[in-house]
Amino acid sequence: MSTTAEVRTVTIGRQPVRVAIRRGQNEPGQPPRVPLLLINGIGAHLELLEPFVRELDPAIEVIRFDPPGIGGSPSPARPYWFGGLCKLIASLLTELGYGQVDVLGISWGGGVAQHFAGFQGSRCRRLVLVATATGTVMLPARPSVLRHMVTPRRYLDREHLQRIAGQIYGGLARIDTEETAAAMHDDNRGGSLSRGYVYQLAASAGWTSVPFLRLLRQPVLILAGDDDPIIPLANAKLMKRLIPDSRLHVYHGGHLALVTEAADLAPVVDAFLAAPLAVSRRAQAGASPQPSRWPSLVTAPHSGQTRLAQHTASPPSAGSSSCRRRRARTAA
């Protein structure tokens, strides 16, 4: 983990929660950025999002945590629902001294983020949803993909993950399974993962955000990959239609692009978080929001060109993460 992050355990009620905070480094004379809370995917420890955190503007203070039963947070005494987890997150923010934050959720964490924005709305200024969907009311993955998602084996068995990475994660995982395995296993704090994983599955069982997405007051950025076997792209388009003040950015990659291609996606997130906040009728009088004054963030896939073709036929840009890795290997 980056040495710029402060890691500690905070107890909320009877639940210890492992937290990492990267302090914002504001330039003199500049106003402080709104802190960003990251909510990870199912079974994933907070270290997984370290590549993304490193690529964000250093002025943004970033808060990460391990959900109960994952990583360094012990399992709770009993299962929980999204509502209970969101109350825990709100209490955690209060204990850490934060009021309103921006929230980014990926995959399972995207569901938690939607619930947090809907039911802890005063604590969430803007919302970023990455590789996620609306819960039980969604276009599901193929059964061959889903069967790998009901077990945490991919977190516990590196060789197994390398065999299935391309099939379930898509994108770069189809051509570089070692990088995916390293991201999922390096610095992994398993804890009581099996029990925690089951609790995470139980928390989302029967849950859907469809009834309340139209009521969200926050500006929302939706990031979705055009090669994501776990969350088909149609789910992002559904959320775009349901959330009044939302933008959709389609990137060329798979489910873990926020980690494996952080250098490409972090600027998109940062531009959204830094853009002037449009005043909406909904925020003032409960009506539907007016169109935002954000710059357009919609990106369509290249015509006839897939992410895999880009990586096999075109060299990476000088500033890309893959190019930096190649230079590092050459220097070594």
Foldseek 3Di string as FASTA:
>chain_A
DDPQWDWDWDQDPNWIKIKIKRAADDDPPDDQAFEEEEFEAFQAAQQLLVQLVVQAHSSHIYMYIAQDQHFPIDHDPDFDALVVSLVVVCVVCVVVPAAAHAYEYAALRLCSQLVNCQPVVRNHAAYEYEPYFFAPPADFFDPVQVVVLLFPVVLVDLVVQLVCVCVAWNFCSVPCVPVVSCSSHPVGRGGNSGVSSVSSVVNRVPGGCQVCQCQRPHQYEYEYECTERGHHPVRSVVSVVRHQRYAYAYDQGTRSCCRVFSNVCNVLVNLVSPDDFADFPCVVPNDRGDHTPRDHRYDDDDVPDHSVNCPVPPDDDCPTPVNVVVVVVVVD
